[in-house]
Structures are given as structure tokens and as C-alpha cells.
């Protein structure tokens, strides 16, 4: 479970201070599929980065599974990111000269995994996103939709509890977006907690709960009543 408690985030640009998040409070329960939406500059990506420990709050706390992640040292943060959280970004951040297999294996190597176990985990992750046959292809030869599926496989290869997706369909056409959203829904149905930032209301409506941000605050937080087939 994730608890965001009175989180404030301020950025300093010279003598000017900008408050990106202003006293944000929310809870995300295990197994939810949550979409965070809002206009550009509303604070949605900042909130996601703080939940994933990519950034730290100026004030307030983020409690994940009973631990205040803002108190973690560098080693604990690295372990949290590698084991608890899988990240998916709008830009795929794949190494183009690596094969699909090598890109997906990277988190396992960083965690000190053994070769045989790594292979089993990578193949299982690629199976989840329908790319087993592409394991030996170089990332640079893949389509945008395929690259994002590789990024999702990399995000889930360590079997994290939480998948944090920041505009995962932002660079994709409609058909590939639908495929990515279908994969996220399947992962959610298998027990993963999905927290997705998106401004695309078609994608947002496929989540089970919608949090709308405005001016650094939670404007609305509602269970999605629209039933979508994904």
C-alpha cells in the first residue's frame, strides 16, 4: 500500500520558488489500477516521480508498504527501485545496440542475479508482452510499440509490486496504445498495482480509478464507472 501524506514539492529557479505539489494526500491500495491525469504542469509526473523515489518531497511523506521512503539511504533507495517498483516512461530508454534480451536483463544484472535464473525471468517477462520471438533482435530494429513492450518487460522482470507508467502511450499510434493498455490491464489482473500518468482520456478511462490533478493538488479522486474492454 502507498500513502502520500501532505506532500509538498518546491523547485528553485534562481530567486524564484515554484510549488509543483501542494499538500497532496492520497492512498493507493494493492492491486489497484490508478490513472493520474490533469493539464500540463498540474503536478502529475512530479507526484509519480516522488512515489517512485526518483525525486524527494520538500515536505511530507510517502509510505510504501509501511516504510517512509524519504528516509532511505542511497543503498535502500536503489534496492527499492530495483525490487519494489518497475518504471515505464514515454521515451523507452532502451540501449539500441543491445538485444531485446539484454535490455530486459539489465535490472537482474544490477541486482546480482545468476545467469540461469536471469534467462528464465527474462523469457517469462517477454512472454508476458508477446515478444519471446524477438529476444535476439537489436532494440534499434524494433517498432515504437515493440520498444515500449520491451520497456514493460524490463519493468516487470524483477517481479515488482508496483508498475509506475509515465505517459506510456505518448509516442505511440492508436493501435499500439491499445496494445500497451491491454498489457497493463492484464498485469493488473495478475495482481500488479498500476499507477499511470496520462493526459489521454481514452487511456485514462481504462483505469479503475482516476485521480485528477490541478495546480499541484488533487482536484478529484473517483472510481471509474465506465467499463472498458481492454
Protein backbone atom coordinates (compact mmCIF):
# COMPACT_ATOMS: atom_id res chain seq x y z
CA UNK A 1 0.00 0.00 0.00
CA UNK A 2 1.14 3.54 -0.81
CA UNK A 3 0.30 6.50 1.42
CA UNK A 4 1.11 10.03 0.27
CA UNK A 5 0.91 12.27 3.32
CA UNK A 6 0.83 16.07 2.98
CA UNK A 7 3.45 16.09 0.24
CA UNK A 8 4.82 19.44 -0.92
CA UNK A 9 7.38 19.79 -3.70
CA UNK A 10 9.10 23.07 -4.43
CA UNK A 11 11.59 23.81 -7.19
CA UNK A 12 14.01 26.72 -7.01
CA UNK A 13 14.96 28.64 -10.16
CA UNK A 14 17.36 31.38 -9.09
CA UNK A 15 15.46 33.55 -6.65
CA UNK A 16 12.09 32.22 -7.79
CA UNK A 17 10.46 29.29 -5.96
CA UNK A 18 7.79 27.20 -7.71
CA UNK A 19 5.49 24.85 -5.83
CA UNK A 20 4.72 21.86 -8.07
CA UNK A 21 2.85 19.89 -5.38
CA UNK A 22 0.85 21.50 -2.61
CA UNK A 23 -0.21 19.36 0.37
CA UNK A 24 -1.08 16.22 -1.63
CA UNK A 25 -2.69 13.38 0.31
CA UNK A 26 -3.86 10.07 -1.14
CA UNK A 27 -3.75 6.32 -0.66
CA UNK A 28 -3.27 3.65 -3.31
CA UNK A 29 -4.19 0.13 -2.30
CA UNK A 30 -2.52 -3.03 -3.52
CA UNK A 31 -3.98 -4.32 -6.77
CA UNK A 32 -5.42 -1.01 -7.97
CA UNK A 33 -5.12 0.38 -11.49
CA UNK A 34 -4.92 4.14 -10.98
CA UNK A 35 -4.64 6.82 -13.63
CA UNK A 36 -3.34 10.25 -12.63
CA UNK A 37 -4.37 12.92 -15.10
CA UNK A 38 -4.53 16.68 -15.46
CA UNK A 39 -3.25 19.51 -17.60
CA UNK A 40 0.43 20.01 -18.33
CA UNK A 41 2.07 21.46 -15.23
CA UNK A 42 -0.59 20.10 -12.87
CA UNK A 43 1.99 18.07 -10.92
CA UNK A 44 1.08 14.57 -12.05
CA UNK A 45 4.55 13.48 -13.22
CA UNK A 46 6.18 15.12 -10.21
CA UNK A 47 3.90 13.09 -7.95
CA UNK A 48 4.74 9.86 -9.80
CA UNK A 49 8.47 10.56 -9.53
CA UNK A 50 8.18 11.09 -5.78
CA UNK A 51 6.16 7.90 -5.33
CA UNK A 52 8.90 6.04 -7.23
CA UNK A 53 11.72 7.72 -5.25
CA UNK A 54 13.13 9.37 -8.38
CA UNK A 55 12.64 12.63 -6.52
CA UNK A 56 12.13 13.56 -2.86
CA UNK A 57 9.39 15.73 -1.36
CA UNK A 58 10.23 19.11 0.11
CA UNK A 59 7.76 18.36 2.89
CA UNK A 60 5.57 15.40 3.75
CA UNK A 61 6.00 11.65 3.49
CA UNK A 62 5.49 8.76 1.10
CA UNK A 63 4.90 5.48 2.93
CA UNK A 64 5.27 2.33 0.82
CA UNK A 65 4.44 -0.97 2.50
CA UNK A 66 4.91 0.65 5.90
CA UNK A 67 8.28 2.32 5.17
CA UNK A 68 8.90 6.04 4.74
CA UNK A 69 10.93 6.04 1.53
CA UNK A 70 12.11 9.62 2.09
CA UNK A 71 14.24 8.28 4.96
CA UNK A 72 16.01 5.70 2.80
CA UNK A 73 19.75 5.96 2.25
CA UNK A 74 21.18 5.56 -1.26
CA UNK A 75 21.53 1.77 -0.92
CA UNK A 76 17.96 1.37 0.32
CA UNK A 77 16.63 3.59 -2.48
CA UNK A 78 18.47 1.52 -5.10
CA UNK A 79 17.02 -1.68 -3.63
CA UNK A 80 13.52 -0.16 -3.54
CA UNK A 81 13.69 0.90 -7.18
CA UNK A 82 15.10 -2.42 -8.31
CA UNK A 83 12.84 -4.74 -6.32
CA UNK A 84 9.62 -2.92 -5.48
CA UNK A 85 8.99 -0.70 -8.48
CA UNK A 86 9.01 -1.11 -12.25
CA UNK A 87 9.24 2.08 -14.31
CA UNK A 88 7.80 2.64 -17.79
CA UNK A 89 8.40 6.01 -19.47
CA UNK A 90 7.17 7.78 -22.59
CA UNK A 91 10.70 7.55 -24.01
CA UNK A 92 11.63 3.90 -23.92
CA UNK A 93 15.23 4.35 -22.68
CA UNK A 94 16.45 1.15 -24.31
CA UNK A 95 20.08 0.60 -25.26
CA UNK A 96 19.77 0.44 -29.10
CA UNK A 97 22.90 -1.68 -29.59
CA UNK A 98 21.69 -4.31 -27.10
CA UNK A 99 19.37 -7.14 -27.98
CA UNK A 100 15.87 -7.30 -26.54
CA UNK A 101 17.07 -9.98 -24.13
CA UNK A 102 19.99 -7.86 -22.94
CA UNK A 103 17.80 -4.81 -22.38
CA UNK A 104 15.30 -6.76 -20.29
CA UNK A 105 18.08 -8.49 -18.32
CA UNK A 106 19.69 -5.24 -17.13
CA UNK A 107 17.75 -4.92 -13.83
CA UNK A 108 18.61 -8.52 -12.99
CA UNK A 109 22.31 -7.92 -13.61
CA UNK A 110 22.21 -4.83 -11.40
CA UNK A 111 20.58 -6.95 -8.70
CA UNK A 112 23.34 -9.56 -8.96
CA UNK A 113 21.15 -12.30 -10.40
CA UNK A 114 22.58 -15.58 -11.65
CA UNK A 115 22.71 -16.30 -15.37
CA UNK A 116 20.35 -19.31 -15.43
CA UNK A 117 17.76 -17.61 -13.24
CA UNK A 118 18.10 -14.45 -15.30
CA UNK A 119 17.31 -16.30 -18.51
CA UNK A 120 14.16 -17.83 -17.06
CA UNK A 121 12.97 -14.47 -15.74
CA UNK A 122 13.68 -12.63 -18.99
CA UNK A 123 11.88 -15.21 -21.12
CA UNK A 124 8.90 -15.11 -18.74
CA UNK A 125 8.75 -11.30 -18.93
CA UNK A 126 8.99 -11.32 -22.72
CA UNK A 127 6.21 -13.90 -22.84
CA UNK A 128 4.00 -11.52 -20.83
CA UNK A 129 4.35 -8.84 -23.52
CA UNK A 130 4.29 -11.20 -26.51
CA UNK A 131 7.89 -10.70 -27.61
CA UNK A 132 9.58 -14.03 -26.95
CA UNK A 133 10.35 -14.41 -30.66
CA UNK A 134 12.17 -11.06 -30.67
CA UNK A 135 14.60 -11.90 -27.86
CA UNK A 136 17.69 -11.80 -30.10
CA UNK A 137 16.67 -8.73 -32.14
CA UNK A 138 18.52 -5.48 -31.51
CA UNK A 139 16.36 -2.80 -29.93
CA UNK A 140 17.14 -0.33 -32.73
CA UNK A 141 15.35 -2.61 -35.22
CA UNK A 142 12.02 -2.62 -33.36
CA UNK A 143 8.94 -0.51 -33.94
CA UNK A 144 7.89 2.05 -31.31
CA UNK A 145 5.18 -0.25 -30.00
CA UNK A 146 7.61 -3.15 -29.72
CA UNK A 147 10.15 -0.98 -27.92
CA UNK A 148 7.57 0.04 -25.35
CA UNK A 149 6.65 -3.62 -24.83
CA UNK A 150 10.34 -4.35 -24.22
CA UNK A 151 10.36 -1.49 -21.69
CA UNK A 152 7.39 -3.07 -19.91
CA UNK A 153 9.14 -6.46 -19.88
CA UNK A 154 12.18 -4.78 -18.33
CA UNK A 155 9.91 -3.14 -15.74
CA UNK A 156 8.35 -6.45 -14.65
CA UNK A 157 11.37 -8.77 -14.91
CA UNK A 158 12.18 -8.42 -11.19
CA UNK A 159 8.53 -9.11 -10.29
CA UNK A 160 7.91 -5.72 -8.62
CA UNK A 161 4.75 -4.94 -6.67
CA UNK A 162 4.20 -1.57 -8.36
CA UNK A 163 4.35 -0.52 -12.02
CA UNK A 164 4.74 3.25 -12.48
CA UNK A 165 4.00 4.33 -16.04
CA UNK A 166 4.53 7.94 -17.14
CA UNK A 167 2.70 8.60 -20.43
CA UNK A 168 3.40 5.03 -21.63
CA UNK A 169 1.46 5.59 -24.86
CA UNK A 170 2.62 9.16 -25.51
CA UNK A 171 4.79 8.27 -28.52
CA UNK A 172 2.51 5.58 -29.97
CA UNK A 173 -0.30 5.38 -32.50
CA UNK A 174 -3.79 4.22 -31.57
CA UNK A 175 -3.27 0.52 -32.32
CA UNK A 176 -0.04 0.30 -30.33
CA UNK A 177 -1.56 2.36 -27.50
CA UNK A 178 -4.44 -0.09 -27.26
CA UNK A 179 -1.95 -2.97 -27.08
CA UNK A 180 0.06 -1.32 -24.29
CA UNK A 181 -3.11 -0.59 -22.32
CA UNK A 182 -4.21 -4.21 -22.77
CA UNK A 183 -0.88 -5.42 -21.37
CA UNK A 184 -1.13 -3.06 -18.38
CA UNK A 185 -4.67 -4.30 -17.70
CA UNK A 186 -3.51 -7.93 -17.84
CA UNK A 187 -0.66 -7.16 -15.43
CA UNK A 188 -3.15 -5.51 -13.10
CA UNK A 189 -5.45 -8.53 -13.32
CA UNK A 190 -2.48 -10.71 -12.33
CA UNK A 191 -2.06 -8.69 -9.12
CA UNK A 192 0.27 -5.82 -10.03
CA UNK A 193 -0.56 -2.33 -8.78
CA UNK A 194 -0.51 0.03 -11.77
CA UNK A 195 -0.08 3.80 -11.37
CA UNK A 196 -0.21 5.53 -14.73
CA UNK A 197 0.18 9.20 -15.60
CA UNK A 198 -1.58 10.23 -18.80
CA UNK A 199 -3.32 13.21 -20.37
CA UNK A 200 -5.06 10.97 -22.94
CA UNK A 201 -8.61 10.44 -21.70
CA UNK A 202 -9.09 7.35 -23.86
CA UNK A 203 -6.26 5.66 -21.97
CA UNK A 204 -7.27 7.20 -18.64
CA UNK A 205 -10.77 5.74 -18.90
CA UNK A 206 -9.29 2.24 -18.99
CA UNK A 207 -8.06 2.59 -15.40
CA UNK A 208 -10.22 1.54 -12.48
CA UNK A 209 -9.67 4.77 -10.55
CA UNK A 210 -8.96 8.27 -11.83
CA UNK A 211 -7.12 10.95 -9.86
CA UNK A 212 -7.23 14.39 -11.45
CA UNK A 213 -4.51 16.90 -10.56
CA UNK A 214 -4.84 20.68 -10.83
CA UNK A 215 -2.32 23.31 -9.74
CA UNK A 216 -0.33 20.83 -7.68
CA UNK A 217 -3.34 19.48 -5.79
CA UNK A 218 -5.69 16.52 -6.07
CA UNK A 219 -8.76 18.05 -7.73
CA UNK A 220 -10.82 14.84 -7.81
CA UNK A 221 -10.36 11.17 -6.91
CA UNK A 222 -13.03 8.85 -8.26
CA UNK A 223 -13.68 5.20 -9.00
CA UNK A 224 -14.11 4.85 -12.74
CA UNK A 225 -17.69 3.91 -13.54
CA UNK A 226 -17.01 3.41 -17.26
CA UNK A 227 -16.40 -0.25 -18.12
CA UNK A 228 -13.85 -0.62 -20.89
CA UNK A 229 -12.79 -3.80 -22.64
CA UNK A 230 -9.02 -3.77 -22.94
